[in-house]
Protein backbone atom coordinates (compact mmCIF):
# COMPACT_ATOMS: atom_id res chain seq x y z
CA MET A 1 0.00 0.00 0.00
CA PRO A 2 1.33 3.48 -0.79
CA ALA A 3 2.08 5.74 2.10
CA THR A 4 -0.66 8.22 2.98
CA PRO A 5 0.21 11.84 3.82
CA ALA A 6 0.40 12.82 7.45
CA SER A 7 -2.29 15.48 7.00
CA GLY A 8 -5.20 16.01 4.65
CA ASP A 9 -3.84 19.33 3.31
CA GLN A 10 -2.31 17.84 0.16
CA SER A 11 -5.36 15.77 -0.75
CA ALA A 12 -7.64 18.68 0.02
CA SER A 13 -5.65 20.97 -2.26
CA ILE A 14 -5.94 18.40 -5.07
CA PHE A 15 -9.69 18.11 -4.66
CA ASN A 16 -9.98 21.93 -4.57
CA LEU A 17 -8.75 21.99 -8.15
CA PHE A 18 -11.92 20.35 -9.47
CA PRO A 19 -14.29 23.31 -8.80
CA LYS A 20 -11.75 25.66 -10.38
CA ILE A 21 -11.41 23.45 -13.44
CA HIS A 22 -15.19 23.18 -13.68
CA ALA A 23 -15.63 26.95 -13.40
CA ALA A 24 -12.94 27.58 -16.00
CA SER A 25 -14.55 25.12 -18.39
CA ASP A 26 -17.97 26.74 -17.89
CA ALA A 27 -16.44 30.18 -18.61
CA ALA A 28 -14.72 28.84 -21.72
CA ILE A 29 -17.98 27.28 -22.93
CA THR A 30 -19.89 30.52 -22.23
CA ASN A 31 -17.30 32.61 -24.10
CA ALA A 32 -17.35 30.17 -27.01
CA GLN A 33 -21.14 30.32 -27.17
CA TYR A 34 -21.07 34.13 -26.96
CA LYS A 35 -18.51 34.34 -29.76
CA GLU A 36 -20.54 31.91 -31.84
CA GLU A 37 -23.73 33.94 -31.38
CA MET A 38 -21.92 37.19 -32.25
CA GLN A 39 -20.43 35.53 -35.33
CA LYS A 40 -23.90 34.42 -36.42
CA VAL A 41 -25.22 37.99 -36.03
CA ALA A 42 -22.24 39.42 -37.93
CA THR A 43 -22.68 36.82 -40.69
CA TYR A 44 -26.38 37.59 -40.95
CA PHE A 45 -25.79 41.34 -41.37
CA ALA A 46 -22.94 40.69 -43.78
CA ASP A 47 -25.27 38.55 -45.92
CA ASN A 48 -28.07 41.12 -45.59
CA ILE A 49 -26.13 44.38 -45.74
CA TRP A 50 -29.22 46.30 -46.76
CA ILE A 51 -30.81 45.64 -43.35
CA ALA A 52 -27.77 47.12 -41.58
CA ALA A 53 -27.88 50.11 -43.95
CA LEU A 54 -31.61 50.64 -43.24
CA ILE A 55 -31.00 50.49 -39.48
CA ILE A 56 -28.19 53.05 -39.75
CA ILE A 57 -30.31 55.35 -41.95
CA PHE A 58 -33.23 55.00 -39.54
CA MET A 59 -31.07 55.87 -36.52
CA ILE A 60 -29.60 58.88 -38.34
CA ALA A 61 -33.10 60.06 -39.31
CA ILE A 62 -34.32 59.71 -35.72
CA GLY A 63 -31.27 61.62 -34.47
CA LEU A 64 -31.82 64.44 -36.97
CA LEU A 65 -35.51 64.63 -36.08
CA ILE A 66 -34.75 64.85 -32.35
CA ALA A 67 -32.06 67.48 -33.04
CA TYR A 68 -34.48 69.50 -35.21
CA ILE A 69 -37.17 69.47 -32.51
CA SER A 70 -34.62 70.27 -29.80
CA TYR A 71 -33.09 73.24 -31.64
CA SER A 72 -36.54 74.56 -32.59
CA ALA A 73 -37.66 74.39 -28.96
CA LYS A 74 -34.41 76.01 -27.79
CA ALA A 75 -34.78 78.94 -30.19
CA GLY A 76 -38.48 79.24 -29.38
CA LEU A 77 -37.74 79.44 -25.66
CA ILE A 78 -35.13 82.16 -26.26
CA LEU A 79 -37.63 84.16 -28.33
CA SER A 80 -40.35 83.65 -25.73
CA VAL A 81 -38.18 84.91 -22.85
CA LYS A 82 -37.01 87.87 -24.93
CA ASN A 83 -40.61 88.73 -25.86
CA ILE A 84 -41.82 88.48 -22.26
CA GLU A 85 -39.06 90.81 -21.06
CA ALA A 86 -39.52 93.29 -23.93
CA THR A 87 -43.33 93.39 -24.25
CA LYS A 88 -44.63 91.57 -21.13
CA LYS A 89 -46.52 89.23 -23.48
CA GLU A 90 -46.09 85.52 -24.03
CA LEU A 91 -45.63 84.07 -27.49
CA GLY A 92 -47.29 80.80 -26.63
CA PHE A 93 -45.80 77.38 -27.24
CA LYS A 94 -47.07 76.92 -30.80
CA LYS A 95 -45.94 80.33 -32.05
CA ALA A 96 -42.59 80.16 -30.23
CA TYR A 97 -41.84 76.71 -31.65
CA HIS A 98 -42.90 77.78 -35.14
CA GLU A 99 -40.65 80.86 -35.08
CA GLY A 100 -37.81 78.87 -33.56
CA ARG A 101 -37.64 76.62 -36.63
CA ASP A 102 -36.00 79.44 -38.59
CA TYR A 103 -32.83 79.17 -36.48
CA VAL A 104 -32.36 75.39 -36.38
CA TRP A 105 -29.55 75.08 -38.89
CA LYS A 106 -27.64 78.10 -37.60
CA LEU A 107 -27.70 76.73 -34.06
CA PHE A 108 -26.74 73.29 -35.32
CA GLY A 109 -23.91 74.77 -37.40
CA GLN A 110 -22.68 76.74 -34.41
CA ASP A 111 -22.47 73.58 -32.29
CA VAL A 112 -20.61 71.80 -35.09
CA VAL A 113 -18.10 74.66 -35.51
CA VAL A 114 -17.45 74.97 -31.77
CA GLY A 115 -17.21 71.19 -31.42
CA LEU A 116 -14.63 71.01 -34.21
CA ILE A 117 -12.62 73.84 -32.62
CA ILE A 118 -12.61 72.10 -29.22
CA GLY A 119 -11.75 68.75 -30.79
CA PHE A 120 -8.86 70.26 -32.76
CA ALA A 121 -7.57 72.08 -29.67
CA PHE A 122 -7.57 68.93 -27.52
CA ALA A 123 -5.94 66.93 -30.32
CA LEU A 124 -3.21 69.58 -30.48
CA LEU A 125 -2.73 69.44 -26.70
CA ALA A 126 -2.50 65.65 -26.84
CA LEU A 127 0.10 65.93 -29.61
CA LEU A 128 2.14 68.38 -27.53
CA CYS A 129 2.05 65.99 -24.56
CA PHE A 130 3.19 63.06 -26.71
CA LEU A 131 5.77 65.11 -28.59
CA PRO A 132 8.69 64.47 -26.16
CA TRP A 133 8.10 60.71 -26.41
CA ILE A 134 7.79 60.91 -30.23
CA ILE A 135 11.11 62.75 -30.44
CA SER A 136 12.88 60.48 -27.97
CA PRO A 137 10.96 57.39 -26.75
CA THR A 138 12.47 57.07 -23.28
CA ASP A 139 11.13 56.93 -19.72
CA SER A 140 12.22 60.51 -19.07
CA SER A 141 10.35 61.74 -22.16
CA ILE A 142 7.16 60.13 -20.83
CA LEU A 143 7.68 62.01 -17.56
CA TYR A 144 8.17 65.27 -19.47
CA GLY A 145 4.94 64.61 -21.38
CA ILE A 146 3.00 64.01 -18.15
CA LEU A 147 4.40 67.20 -16.60
CA LEU A 148 3.51 69.15 -19.72
CA GLY A 149 -0.03 67.76 -19.58
CA VAL A 150 -0.37 68.79 -15.92
CA ILE A 151 0.83 72.31 -16.79
CA LEU A 152 -1.55 72.63 -19.76
CA ILE A 153 -4.64 71.16 -18.11
CA LEU A 154 -5.54 74.31 -16.14
CA PRO A 155 -5.46 76.64 -19.20
CA ALA A 156 -7.42 73.98 -21.10
CA ILE A 157 -10.14 73.92 -18.42
CA VAL A 158 -10.34 77.73 -18.38
CA ALA A 159 -10.54 77.85 -22.19
CA THR A 160 -13.27 75.18 -22.19
CA ILE A 161 -15.34 77.16 -19.67
CA TYR A 162 -14.90 80.35 -21.70
CA ILE A 163 -15.91 78.61 -24.93
CA GLY A 164 -18.97 77.21 -23.16
CA ILE A 165 -20.00 80.72 -22.10
CA LEU A 166 -19.41 81.98 -25.65
CA LEU A 167 -21.59 79.17 -26.99
CA LYS A 168 -24.43 80.01 -24.62
CA THR A 169 -24.39 83.73 -25.44
CA ALA A 170 -23.65 83.34 -29.16
CA SER A 171 -26.75 81.16 -29.61
CA ARG A 172 -28.77 84.06 -28.17
CA ALA A 173 -27.07 86.44 -30.59
CA ILE A 174 -28.15 84.19 -33.47
CA VAL A 175 -31.77 84.06 -32.35
CA ILE A 176 -32.31 87.53 -30.85
CA ASP A 177 -30.06 89.63 -33.11
CA LYS A 178 -30.25 87.34 -36.17
CA MET A 179 -26.47 87.14 -36.55
CA GLY A 180 -24.47 84.56 -38.46
CA ILE A 181 -22.47 81.79 -36.83
CA PHE A 182 -19.07 83.45 -36.85
CA ASP A 183 -20.43 86.98 -36.36
CA SER A 184 -22.27 85.85 -33.22
CA ILE A 185 -19.13 84.25 -31.76
CA ALA A 186 -17.03 87.36 -32.51
CA HIS A 187 -19.75 89.64 -31.08
CA CYS A 188 -20.03 87.65 -27.84
CA HIS A 189 -16.24 87.45 -27.49
CA LYS A 190 -16.14 91.26 -27.66
CA ILE A 191 -18.93 91.51 -25.08
CA ALA A 192 -17.21 89.06 -22.73
CA ARG A 193 -13.87 90.82 -23.08
CA ASN A 194 -15.39 94.20 -22.19
CA ASN A 195 -17.49 92.77 -19.33
CA LEU A 196 -15.23 90.00 -18.03
CA GLY A 197 -16.07 90.60 -14.37
CA ASN A 198 -19.82 90.38 -15.00
CA VAL A 199 -19.35 87.25 -17.12
CA ILE A 200 -17.39 85.55 -14.33
CA VAL A 201 -20.08 86.47 -11.78
CA LEU A 202 -22.82 85.12 -14.06
CA TRP A 203 -20.93 81.86 -14.52
CA LEU A 204 -20.30 81.50 -10.77
CA ILE A 205 -24.00 82.05 -10.06
CA GLN A 206 -24.87 79.31 -12.53
CA VAL A 207 -22.34 76.94 -10.94
CA GLY A 208 -23.74 77.64 -7.47
CA ILE A 209 -27.32 77.09 -8.58
CA SER A 210 -26.37 73.91 -10.47
CA LEU A 211 -24.57 72.48 -7.42
CA ALA A 212 -27.54 73.27 -5.16
CA VAL A 213 -30.04 71.69 -7.57
CA SER A 214 -27.81 68.63 -8.05
CA LEU A 215 -27.62 68.15 -4.27
CA ILE A 216 -31.40 68.45 -3.94
CA LEU A 217 -31.95 65.94 -6.75
CA MET A 218 -29.50 63.47 -5.19
CA LEU A 219 -31.28 63.72 -1.83
CA PHE A 220 -34.61 63.25 -3.62
CA VAL A 221 -33.35 60.11 -5.37
CA PHE A 222 -31.87 58.80 -2.10
CA PHE A 223 -35.14 59.12 -0.18
CA ILE A 224 -37.21 57.77 -3.06
CA VAL A 225 -34.96 54.71 -3.36
CA ILE A 226 -35.32 54.06 0.39
CA ILE A 227 -39.11 54.40 0.15
CA MET A 228 -39.15 52.20 -2.94
CA VAL A 229 -37.12 49.44 -1.29
CA LEU A 230 -39.20 49.53 1.91
CA ALA A 231 -42.51 49.59 0.03
CA GLY A 232 -41.35 46.79 -2.27
CA ALA A 233 -40.17 44.67 0.67
CA ILE A 234 -43.43 45.16 2.60
CA SER A 235 -45.51 44.40 -0.51
CA ALA A 236 -43.37 41.35 -1.28
CA LEU A 237 -44.33 39.87 2.09
CA ALA A 238 -47.90 39.70 0.86
CA SER A 239 -47.04 38.70 -2.72
CA PRO A 240 -43.81 38.73 -4.76
CA ILE A 241 -45.78 39.90 -7.79
CA LEU A 242 -47.29 42.78 -5.80
CA GLY A 243 -43.81 43.77 -4.62
CA ALA A 244 -42.51 43.81 -8.19
CA ILE A 245 -45.49 45.93 -9.30
CA VAL A 246 -45.00 48.44 -6.47
CA ILE A 247 -41.27 48.81 -7.20
CA THR A 248 -41.94 49.21 -10.94
CA VAL A 249 -44.60 51.90 -10.36
CA LEU A 250 -42.43 53.82 -7.91
CA LEU A 251 -39.43 53.57 -10.24
CA ALA A 252 -41.48 54.90 -13.16
CA ALA A 253 -42.79 57.74 -10.98
CA MET A 254 -39.24 58.62 -9.87
CA VAL A 255 -37.96 58.67 -13.46
CA ALA A 256 -40.90 60.83 -14.56
CA ALA A 257 -40.35 63.23 -11.65
CA MET A 258 -36.62 63.44 -12.44
CA LEU A 259 -37.27 64.17 -16.12
CA PHE A 260 -39.79 66.85 -15.18
CA ALA A 261 -37.41 68.44 -12.67
CA LEU A 262 -34.53 68.41 -15.17
CA GLY A 263 -36.81 69.95 -17.82
CA VAL A 264 -37.79 72.77 -15.46
CA PHE A 265 -34.17 73.34 -14.43
CA ASN A 266 -32.91 73.40 -18.04
CA THR A 267 -35.69 75.85 -18.91
CA PHE A 268 -34.56 78.05 -16.04
CA LEU A 269 -30.91 77.92 -17.19
CA SER A 270 -31.89 78.77 -20.75
CA SER A 271 -33.95 81.75 -19.55
CA TYR A 272 -31.11 82.77 -17.23
CA TRP A 273 -28.59 82.98 -20.08
CA THR A 274 -31.08 84.73 -22.37
CA LEU A 275 -31.55 87.47 -19.78
CA ALA A 276 -27.80 87.50 -19.13
CA TYR A 277 -27.04 88.01 -22.82
CA ARG A 278 -29.54 90.87 -23.11
CA ALA A 279 -28.02 92.53 -20.04
CA LEU A 280 -24.44 92.09 -21.29
CA ASP A 281 -25.38 93.32 -24.74
CA TYR A 282 -27.06 96.38 -23.22
CA LEU A 283 -23.95 97.14 -21.15
CA ALA A 284 -21.74 96.73 -24.20
CA HIS A 285 -23.77 99.24 -26.22
CA ASN A 286 -24.17 101.75 -23.36
CA LYS A 287 -20.77 101.53 -21.72
CA LYS A 288 -19.03 104.88 -21.47
């Protein structure tokens, strides 16, 4: 008979291998099945390329439709706030939306232009950070690139904030003063340069309000989740189906309330920057 070990540690370690081998085999089988299913989907779309093209065209069409409605509503809200302040009369939703459609493509073009400028600027910054390593691929060059990135990140943040302010005010210049894309950006840059202190104060007020609203919304979500869990647990004691229904209803109500609150807050911010632009524009034209 072969000699048995003095303790069961060795035999136990051998038997512990079997669950690991089983788990690894299950993972390998699952990955193989996943890859097989993905390959089937890819093969299907490759054989029916027109279906993939239709899906892409449909998604693009939906995106353009949503963007068109969004820009029309944005311009309509700007016009409505401007009209209320100037004449104390409301345009009404239908009229504001109808008039806002005239500015859709200018607002869209402005976002594209600013987005390209920001993208080019960040690509240039990334190139500058990688430049030491490209010139001399050593450990010290990587360190120099990291230090350069740390030095440039603060100006980049400041420039991003400033461009964001320009974008907010320039969109008002397009709608209220009927300016072109580049004329509106140049006009708002001139306004901001001549009223830099007021612009900084306006931005700080927005940041403070946004932080306060974010905190309130987080507390709201926290308490609603607690209520939802407690209500679902109590209902589940009577019936698991009833618990699932209660949780689903409360979750839907929370999502609807959050969407409504965010809509109100975004409407407030849009009105805030419309009034801010009119005030800054007035100061620019009446500054001695």
